[in-house]
Amino acid sequence: MNASPLCALATVWPTGRAHINHMYFARSGAFDVVWISDPDSRHSLNLKENPSAAVTIFDSHQTWGRPDRGIQLFGSAGTVSGAAAQEAERAYSARFPYDPSQGDAYPIYRFRPREVKLFYEAILGAGTLVTARVTRDGLTWARTEVFA
């Protein structure tokens, strides 16, 4: 998940229309994704109405025809407060020059996945996707798909 400082976040408009946003993120814990954002941005407003979201992370410097890798995460997101916000702020500040004590700091958001889909051709083989459910104890295999 640290292959790139950017990820893509997919959210849903109140009308059901899809929306996608790219953003700087940090990982918190095993699979949580955290970021800061303007609460009036389209993706933030979407999450306020519907927390369903998906995130994809990949190295954008990969070369066509060579083994690729990336991860897709499916779950829910929203702002956090209290101890969860402090943990998220620590993770974000460790990766980027962010000081949450600034008066004009944006709120922090956390995405919690319920499912992950891993694409890592060098290890899993060409066109192979492994999907796992996220549990309290870690990952539980759900299925393997091969498209090669």
N, C-alpha and C. Protein backbone atom coordinates (compact mmCIF):
# COMPACT_ATOMS: atom_id res chain seq x y z
N MET A 1 0.81 -1.20 0.00
CA MET A 1 0.00 0.00 0.00
C MET A 1 0.85 1.26 0.00
N ASN A 2 2.14 1.13 0.18
CA ASN A 2 3.00 2.30 0.18
C ASN A 2 3.69 2.53 -1.16
N ALA A 3 3.23 1.83 -2.23
CA ALA A 3 3.85 1.96 -3.55
C ALA A 3 3.64 3.35 -4.15
N SER A 4 2.65 4.08 -3.66
CA SER A 4 2.34 5.39 -4.19
C SER A 4 1.83 6.29 -3.07
N PRO A 5 2.10 7.60 -3.15
CA PRO A 5 1.53 8.51 -2.16
C PRO A 5 0.09 8.88 -2.49
N LEU A 6 -0.36 8.52 -3.69
CA LEU A 6 -1.70 8.85 -4.14
C LEU A 6 -2.56 7.60 -4.24
N CYS A 7 -3.84 7.78 -4.03
CA CYS A 7 -4.81 6.71 -4.27
C CYS A 7 -6.01 7.34 -4.97
N ALA A 8 -6.89 6.48 -5.47
CA ALA A 8 -8.15 6.95 -6.04
C ALA A 8 -9.27 6.48 -5.12
N LEU A 9 -10.16 7.39 -4.78
CA LEU A 9 -11.30 7.12 -3.91
C LEU A 9 -12.57 7.23 -4.73
N ALA A 10 -13.36 6.17 -4.75
CA ALA A 10 -14.65 6.19 -5.43
C ALA A 10 -15.76 6.34 -4.38
N THR A 11 -16.66 7.28 -4.63
CA THR A 11 -17.82 7.51 -3.76
C THR A 11 -19.07 7.55 -4.64
N VAL A 12 -20.22 7.74 -4.00
CA VAL A 12 -21.49 7.74 -4.73
C VAL A 12 -22.26 9.03 -4.41
N TRP A 13 -22.67 9.72 -5.45
CA TRP A 13 -23.52 10.90 -5.28
C TRP A 13 -24.86 10.46 -4.66
N PRO A 14 -25.58 11.37 -4.03
CA PRO A 14 -26.90 11.02 -3.50
C PRO A 14 -27.85 10.50 -4.59
N THR A 15 -27.63 10.89 -5.84
CA THR A 15 -28.47 10.43 -6.96
C THR A 15 -28.06 9.05 -7.45
N GLY A 16 -26.98 8.49 -6.90
CA GLY A 16 -26.51 7.17 -7.32
C GLY A 16 -25.39 7.21 -8.35
N ARG A 17 -25.04 8.37 -8.82
CA ARG A 17 -23.98 8.52 -9.82
C ARG A 17 -22.62 8.31 -9.17
N ALA A 18 -21.71 7.65 -9.87
CA ALA A 18 -20.36 7.41 -9.35
C ALA A 18 -19.52 8.68 -9.40
N HIS A 19 -18.59 8.80 -8.47
CA HIS A 19 -17.64 9.91 -8.42
C HIS A 19 -16.29 9.34 -8.03
N ILE A 20 -15.23 9.87 -8.61
CA ILE A 20 -13.88 9.42 -8.25
C ILE A 20 -12.99 10.63 -7.99
N ASN A 21 -12.08 10.47 -7.05
CA ASN A 21 -11.19 11.54 -6.64
C ASN A 21 -9.82 10.94 -6.36
N HIS A 22 -8.77 11.62 -6.78
CA HIS A 22 -7.43 11.17 -6.37
C HIS A 22 -6.97 12.05 -5.21
N MET A 23 -6.19 11.44 -4.31
CA MET A 23 -5.79 12.18 -3.10
C MET A 23 -4.54 11.57 -2.50
N TYR A 24 -3.84 12.35 -1.70
CA TYR A 24 -2.72 11.85 -0.91
C TYR A 24 -3.29 11.09 0.28
N PHE A 25 -2.67 9.99 0.62
CA PHE A 25 -3.18 9.16 1.71
C PHE A 25 -2.03 8.58 2.52
N ALA A 26 -2.38 8.08 3.68
CA ALA A 26 -1.46 7.31 4.52
C ALA A 26 -2.21 6.07 4.98
N ARG A 27 -1.45 5.04 5.28
CA ARG A 27 -2.04 3.82 5.82
C ARG A 27 -2.00 3.91 7.34
N SER A 28 -3.09 3.49 7.96
CA SER A 28 -3.17 3.44 9.41
C SER A 28 -3.57 2.02 9.77
N GLY A 29 -2.79 1.36 10.58
CA GLY A 29 -3.06 -0.04 10.87
C GLY A 29 -2.75 -0.88 9.66
N ALA A 30 -3.39 -2.03 9.56
CA ALA A 30 -3.09 -2.95 8.46
C ALA A 30 -3.62 -2.46 7.12
N PHE A 31 -4.88 -2.02 7.07
CA PHE A 31 -5.49 -1.68 5.78
C PHE A 31 -6.29 -0.40 5.76
N ASP A 32 -6.41 0.32 6.87
CA ASP A 32 -7.15 1.58 6.86
C ASP A 32 -6.40 2.62 6.04
N VAL A 33 -7.15 3.42 5.31
CA VAL A 33 -6.60 4.51 4.51
C VAL A 33 -7.09 5.81 5.14
N VAL A 34 -6.18 6.76 5.39
CA VAL A 34 -6.56 8.03 6.01
C VAL A 34 -6.10 9.19 5.13
N TRP A 35 -6.85 10.29 5.19
CA TRP A 35 -6.52 11.47 4.41
C TRP A 35 -7.19 12.69 5.03
N ILE A 36 -6.77 13.86 4.58
CA ILE A 36 -7.41 15.11 4.98
C ILE A 36 -8.15 15.66 3.76
N SER A 37 -9.25 16.34 4.02
CA SER A 37 -10.01 16.86 2.89
C SER A 37 -10.94 17.98 3.32
N ASP A 38 -11.22 18.85 2.37
CA ASP A 38 -12.19 19.92 2.58
C ASP A 38 -13.57 19.28 2.75
N PRO A 39 -14.27 19.57 3.83
CA PRO A 39 -15.58 18.95 4.03
C PRO A 39 -16.62 19.35 2.98
N ASP A 40 -16.34 20.41 2.20
CA ASP A 40 -17.26 20.83 1.15
C ASP A 40 -16.92 20.25 -0.22
N SER A 41 -15.87 19.41 -0.29
CA SER A 41 -15.53 18.78 -1.57
C SER A 41 -16.58 17.74 -1.93
N ARG A 42 -16.70 17.42 -3.21
CA ARG A 42 -17.74 16.49 -3.66
C ARG A 42 -17.63 15.14 -2.98
N HIS A 43 -16.42 14.57 -2.87
CA HIS A 43 -16.28 13.24 -2.25
C HIS A 43 -16.63 13.29 -0.75
N SER A 44 -16.28 14.37 -0.08
CA SER A 44 -16.63 14.50 1.34
C SER A 44 -18.13 14.61 1.53
N LEU A 45 -18.79 15.40 0.68
CA LEU A 45 -20.25 15.51 0.75
C LEU A 45 -20.92 14.18 0.44
N ASN A 46 -20.36 13.45 -0.53
CA ASN A 46 -20.92 12.13 -0.85
C ASN A 46 -20.82 11.19 0.34
N LEU A 47 -19.65 11.18 1.01
CA LEU A 47 -19.46 10.29 2.16
C LEU A 47 -20.38 10.64 3.32
N LYS A 48 -20.69 11.92 3.45
CA LYS A 48 -21.60 12.35 4.51
C LYS A 48 -23.00 11.74 4.31
N GLU A 49 -23.40 11.60 3.04
CA GLU A 49 -24.72 11.04 2.71
C GLU A 49 -24.69 9.51 2.63
N ASN A 50 -23.57 8.96 2.14
CA ASN A 50 -23.47 7.52 1.91
C ASN A 50 -22.01 7.11 2.13
N PRO A 51 -21.70 6.39 3.20
CA PRO A 51 -20.31 6.06 3.51
C PRO A 51 -19.69 4.98 2.62
N SER A 52 -20.47 4.37 1.72
CA SER A 52 -19.93 3.33 0.85
C SER A 52 -18.85 3.92 -0.05
N ALA A 53 -17.70 3.23 -0.13
CA ALA A 53 -16.58 3.75 -0.90
C ALA A 53 -15.67 2.60 -1.35
N ALA A 54 -14.81 2.92 -2.30
CA ALA A 54 -13.78 1.99 -2.76
C ALA A 54 -12.51 2.79 -2.99
N VAL A 55 -11.36 2.15 -2.78
CA VAL A 55 -10.06 2.78 -2.95
C VAL A 55 -9.19 1.86 -3.81
N THR A 56 -8.41 2.43 -4.69
CA THR A 56 -7.41 1.66 -5.41
C THR A 56 -6.06 2.36 -5.27
N ILE A 57 -5.04 1.54 -5.08
CA ILE A 57 -3.67 2.04 -4.91
C ILE A 57 -2.78 1.23 -5.84
N PHE A 58 -1.94 1.92 -6.60
CA PHE A 58 -1.03 1.23 -7.51
C PHE A 58 0.13 2.16 -7.85
N ASP A 59 1.22 1.58 -8.27
CA ASP A 59 2.38 2.33 -8.71
C ASP A 59 2.14 2.77 -10.15
N SER A 60 2.02 4.06 -10.39
CA SER A 60 1.70 4.56 -11.73
C SER A 60 2.89 4.50 -12.68
N HIS A 61 4.05 4.05 -12.23
CA HIS A 61 5.23 3.92 -13.08
C HIS A 61 5.40 2.53 -13.65
N GLN A 62 4.40 1.67 -13.51
CA GLN A 62 4.48 0.32 -14.05
C GLN A 62 4.51 0.37 -15.58
N THR A 63 5.10 -0.66 -16.19
CA THR A 63 5.28 -0.71 -17.63
C THR A 63 4.41 -1.80 -18.24
N TRP A 64 3.70 -1.44 -19.30
CA TRP A 64 2.85 -2.39 -20.02
C TRP A 64 3.66 -3.62 -20.41
N GLY A 65 3.10 -4.81 -20.16
CA GLY A 65 3.76 -6.05 -20.54
C GLY A 65 4.67 -6.63 -19.47
N ARG A 66 4.93 -5.87 -18.45
CA ARG A 66 5.72 -6.36 -17.32
C ARG A 66 4.78 -6.72 -16.17
N PRO A 67 5.24 -7.50 -15.20
CA PRO A 67 4.36 -7.83 -14.06
C PRO A 67 3.86 -6.58 -13.34
N ASP A 68 2.57 -6.52 -13.14
CA ASP A 68 1.92 -5.38 -12.47
C ASP A 68 1.52 -5.76 -11.06
N ARG A 69 1.21 -4.73 -10.27
CA ARG A 69 0.69 -4.95 -8.93
C ARG A 69 -0.18 -3.77 -8.52
N GLY A 70 -1.12 -4.07 -7.63
CA GLY A 70 -2.01 -3.04 -7.11
C GLY A 70 -2.97 -3.67 -6.12
N ILE A 71 -3.73 -2.82 -5.45
CA ILE A 71 -4.70 -3.30 -4.48
C ILE A 71 -5.97 -2.47 -4.61
N GLN A 72 -7.10 -3.15 -4.54
CA GLN A 72 -8.41 -2.51 -4.52
C GLN A 72 -9.04 -2.83 -3.18
N LEU A 73 -9.66 -1.84 -2.57
CA LEU A 73 -10.27 -2.01 -1.26
C LEU A 73 -11.72 -1.54 -1.33
N PHE A 74 -12.62 -2.28 -0.69
CA PHE A 74 -14.05 -1.98 -0.72
C PHE A 74 -14.55 -1.89 0.72
N GLY A 75 -15.23 -0.80 1.06
CA GLY A 75 -15.69 -0.64 2.43
C GLY A 75 -16.46 0.65 2.63
N SER A 76 -16.16 1.34 3.72
CA SER A 76 -16.87 2.58 4.04
C SER A 76 -15.90 3.59 4.64
N ALA A 77 -16.30 4.87 4.55
CA ALA A 77 -15.41 5.95 4.99
C ALA A 77 -16.20 7.10 5.58
N GLY A 78 -15.49 7.93 6.33
CA GLY A 78 -16.07 9.13 6.90
C GLY A 78 -15.07 9.82 7.81
N THR A 79 -15.48 10.93 8.38
CA THR A 79 -14.60 11.64 9.31
C THR A 79 -14.49 10.83 10.60
N VAL A 80 -13.38 11.03 11.30
CA VAL A 80 -13.17 10.37 12.59
C VAL A 80 -12.86 11.43 13.64
N SER A 81 -13.07 11.06 14.90
CA SER A 81 -12.79 11.98 16.00
C SER A 81 -12.16 11.21 17.15
N GLY A 82 -11.76 11.93 18.17
CA GLY A 82 -11.20 11.30 19.36
C GLY A 82 -9.93 10.53 19.08
N ALA A 83 -9.80 9.37 19.72
CA ALA A 83 -8.60 8.54 19.59
C ALA A 83 -8.38 8.09 18.15
N ALA A 84 -9.45 7.80 17.42
CA ALA A 84 -9.32 7.38 16.02
C ALA A 84 -8.73 8.50 15.17
N ALA A 85 -9.14 9.74 15.43
CA ALA A 85 -8.59 10.87 14.69
C ALA A 85 -7.12 11.08 15.03
N GLN A 86 -6.77 10.94 16.30
CA GLN A 86 -5.36 11.10 16.70
C GLN A 86 -4.48 10.05 16.04
N GLU A 87 -4.95 8.81 15.98
CA GLU A 87 -4.19 7.75 15.32
C GLU A 87 -4.04 8.05 13.82
N ALA A 88 -5.12 8.49 13.19
CA ALA A 88 -5.09 8.83 11.77
C ALA A 88 -4.17 10.01 11.50
N GLU A 89 -4.22 11.02 12.34
CA GLU A 89 -3.35 12.20 12.19
C GLU A 89 -1.89 11.82 12.33
N ARG A 90 -1.57 10.92 13.28
CA ARG A 90 -0.18 10.46 13.43
C ARG A 90 0.30 9.76 12.16
N ALA A 91 -0.54 8.90 11.60
CA ALA A 91 -0.17 8.18 10.38
C ALA A 91 0.03 9.14 9.22
N TYR A 92 -0.88 10.10 9.07
CA TYR A 92 -0.79 11.05 7.96
C TYR A 92 0.43 11.97 8.14
N SER A 93 0.66 12.45 9.36
CA SER A 93 1.80 13.33 9.64
C SER A 93 3.13 12.62 9.47
N ALA A 94 3.17 11.30 9.66
CA ALA A 94 4.40 10.55 9.47
C ALA A 94 4.77 10.46 7.99
N ARG A 95 3.78 10.58 7.11
CA ARG A 95 4.04 10.46 5.67
C ARG A 95 4.13 11.80 4.97
N PHE A 96 3.43 12.81 5.47
CA PHE A 96 3.37 14.12 4.82
C PHE A 96 3.57 15.23 5.85
N PRO A 97 3.98 16.42 5.41
CA PRO A 97 4.16 17.55 6.34
C PRO A 97 2.81 18.14 6.74
N TYR A 98 2.15 17.49 7.65
CA TYR A 98 0.81 17.89 8.09
C TYR A 98 0.83 18.14 9.58
N ASP A 99 0.32 19.31 9.98
CA ASP A 99 0.25 19.66 11.39
C ASP A 99 -1.22 19.87 11.76
N PRO A 100 -1.83 18.88 12.43
CA PRO A 100 -3.25 19.00 12.75
C PRO A 100 -3.58 20.10 13.75
N SER A 101 -2.57 20.68 14.40
CA SER A 101 -2.84 21.73 15.39
C SER A 101 -3.06 23.09 14.73
N GLN A 102 -2.85 23.19 13.42
CA GLN A 102 -3.09 24.45 12.72
C GLN A 102 -4.58 24.76 12.78
N GLY A 103 -4.91 26.00 12.97
CA GLY A 103 -6.30 26.41 13.10
C GLY A 103 -7.14 26.13 11.87
N ASP A 104 -6.51 26.13 10.69
CA ASP A 104 -7.26 25.93 9.46
C ASP A 104 -7.13 24.50 8.91
N ALA A 105 -6.72 23.56 9.75
CA ALA A 105 -6.53 22.18 9.31
C ALA A 105 -7.86 21.56 8.88
N TYR A 106 -7.80 20.80 7.79
CA TYR A 106 -8.99 20.08 7.33
C TYR A 106 -9.27 18.90 8.24
N PRO A 107 -10.51 18.42 8.25
CA PRO A 107 -10.81 17.22 9.04
C PRO A 107 -10.12 15.99 8.45
N ILE A 108 -9.94 14.99 9.28
CA ILE A 108 -9.31 13.75 8.83
C ILE A 108 -10.38 12.70 8.59
N TYR A 109 -10.18 11.94 7.54
CA TYR A 109 -11.11 10.90 7.13
C TYR A 109 -10.42 9.55 7.23
N ARG A 110 -11.22 8.50 7.45
CA ARG A 110 -10.69 7.14 7.49
C ARG A 110 -11.58 6.22 6.65
N PHE A 111 -10.93 5.44 5.83
CA PHE A 111 -11.61 4.40 5.05
C PHE A 111 -11.29 3.07 5.71
N ARG A 112 -12.32 2.30 6.00
CA ARG A 112 -12.19 0.97 6.60
C ARG A 112 -12.65 -0.07 5.59
N PRO A 113 -11.74 -0.89 5.10
CA PRO A 113 -12.16 -1.90 4.12
C PRO A 113 -12.83 -3.10 4.77
N ARG A 114 -13.75 -3.70 4.04
CA ARG A 114 -14.35 -4.97 4.44
C ARG A 114 -13.83 -6.08 3.53
N GLU A 115 -13.29 -5.66 2.36
CA GLU A 115 -12.76 -6.63 1.40
C GLU A 115 -11.60 -5.99 0.65
N VAL A 116 -10.58 -6.80 0.34
CA VAL A 116 -9.44 -6.34 -0.46
C VAL A 116 -9.26 -7.28 -1.64
N LYS A 117 -8.81 -6.70 -2.75
CA LYS A 117 -8.51 -7.48 -3.94
C LYS A 117 -7.07 -7.14 -4.33
N LEU A 118 -6.22 -8.14 -4.34
CA LEU A 118 -4.79 -7.96 -4.59
C LEU A 118 -4.42 -8.47 -5.98
N PHE A 119 -3.64 -7.67 -6.69
CA PHE A 119 -3.14 -7.99 -8.02
C PHE A 119 -1.63 -7.83 -7.94
N TYR A 120 -0.89 -8.94 -7.96
CA TYR A 120 0.58 -8.89 -7.80
C TYR A 120 1.16 -9.99 -8.68
N GLU A 121 1.30 -9.68 -9.98
CA GLU A 121 1.66 -10.69 -10.98
C GLU A 121 3.00 -11.37 -10.73
N ALA A 122 3.97 -10.67 -10.19
CA ALA A 122 5.29 -11.26 -9.96
C ALA A 122 5.21 -12.42 -8.97
N ILE A 123 4.23 -12.38 -8.07
CA ILE A 123 4.09 -13.44 -7.06
C ILE A 123 2.91 -14.36 -7.37
N LEU A 124 1.77 -13.78 -7.77
CA LEU A 124 0.56 -14.57 -7.97
C LEU A 124 0.41 -15.14 -9.38
N GLY A 125 1.11 -14.57 -10.34
CA GLY A 125 0.99 -14.99 -11.73
C GLY A 125 0.19 -13.99 -12.54
N ALA A 126 0.36 -14.05 -13.86
CA ALA A 126 -0.30 -13.11 -14.76
C ALA A 126 -1.82 -13.21 -14.64
N GLY A 127 -2.47 -12.06 -14.58
CA GLY A 127 -3.93 -11.99 -14.57
C GLY A 127 -4.61 -12.62 -13.38
N THR A 128 -3.90 -12.76 -12.26
CA THR A 128 -4.48 -13.41 -11.08
C THR A 128 -4.86 -12.37 -10.04
N LEU A 129 -6.10 -12.42 -9.58
CA LEU A 129 -6.60 -11.54 -8.52
C LEU A 129 -7.02 -12.39 -7.34
N VAL A 130 -6.54 -12.04 -6.16
CA VAL A 130 -6.92 -12.73 -4.93
C VAL A 130 -7.76 -11.78 -4.10
N THR A 131 -8.94 -12.22 -3.70
CA THR A 131 -9.85 -11.42 -2.90
C THR A 131 -9.93 -12.02 -1.50
N ALA A 132 -9.87 -11.14 -0.49
CA ALA A 132 -9.94 -11.58 0.91
C ALA A 132 -10.87 -10.64 1.68
N ARG A 133 -11.54 -11.20 2.68
CA ARG A 133 -12.35 -10.40 3.60
C ARG A 133 -11.44 -9.90 4.73
N VAL A 134 -11.68 -8.68 5.17
CA VAL A 134 -10.93 -8.11 6.29
C VAL A 134 -11.71 -8.43 7.56
N THR A 135 -11.02 -9.09 8.50
CA THR A 135 -11.64 -9.43 9.79
C THR A 135 -10.80 -8.82 10.91
N ARG A 136 -11.27 -8.94 12.12
CA ARG A 136 -10.50 -8.45 13.28
C ARG A 136 -9.15 -9.15 13.39
N ASP A 137 -9.12 -10.41 12.94
CA ASP A 137 -7.90 -11.21 13.05
C ASP A 137 -7.00 -11.10 11.84
N GLY A 138 -7.37 -10.33 10.84
CA GLY A 138 -6.56 -10.18 9.63
C GLY A 138 -7.39 -10.43 8.39
N LEU A 139 -6.81 -11.14 7.43
CA LEU A 139 -7.48 -11.42 6.17
C LEU A 139 -7.94 -12.88 6.11
N THR A 140 -9.10 -13.08 5.50
CA THR A 140 -9.63 -14.42 5.27
C THR A 140 -9.87 -14.55 3.77
N TRP A 141 -9.22 -15.54 3.15
CA TRP A 141 -9.34 -15.73 1.71
C TRP A 141 -10.80 -15.89 1.33
N ALA A 142 -11.21 -15.26 0.22
CA ALA A 142 -12.57 -15.38 -0.29
C ALA A 142 -12.60 -16.09 -1.64
N ARG A 143 -11.72 -15.68 -2.56
CA ARG A 143 -11.69 -16.30 -3.89
C ARG A 143 -10.44 -15.89 -4.65
N THR A 144 -10.11 -16.67 -5.64
CA THR A 144 -9.02 -16.37 -6.57
C THR A 144 -9.60 -16.38 -7.98
N GLU A 145 -9.31 -15.35 -8.75
CA GLU A 145 -9.77 -15.26 -10.13
C GLU A 145 -8.55 -15.19 -11.04
N VAL A 146 -8.58 -15.91 -12.16
CA VAL A 146 -7.49 -15.87 -13.12
C VAL A 146 -8.05 -15.45 -14.47
N PHE A 147 -7.49 -14.39 -15.03
CA PHE A 147 -7.97 -13.84 -16.28
C PHE A 147 -6.94 -13.93 -17.40
N ALA A 148 -5.91 -14.72 -17.24
CA ALA A 148 -4.86 -14.82 -18.26
C ALA A 148 -5.19 -15.88 -19.29
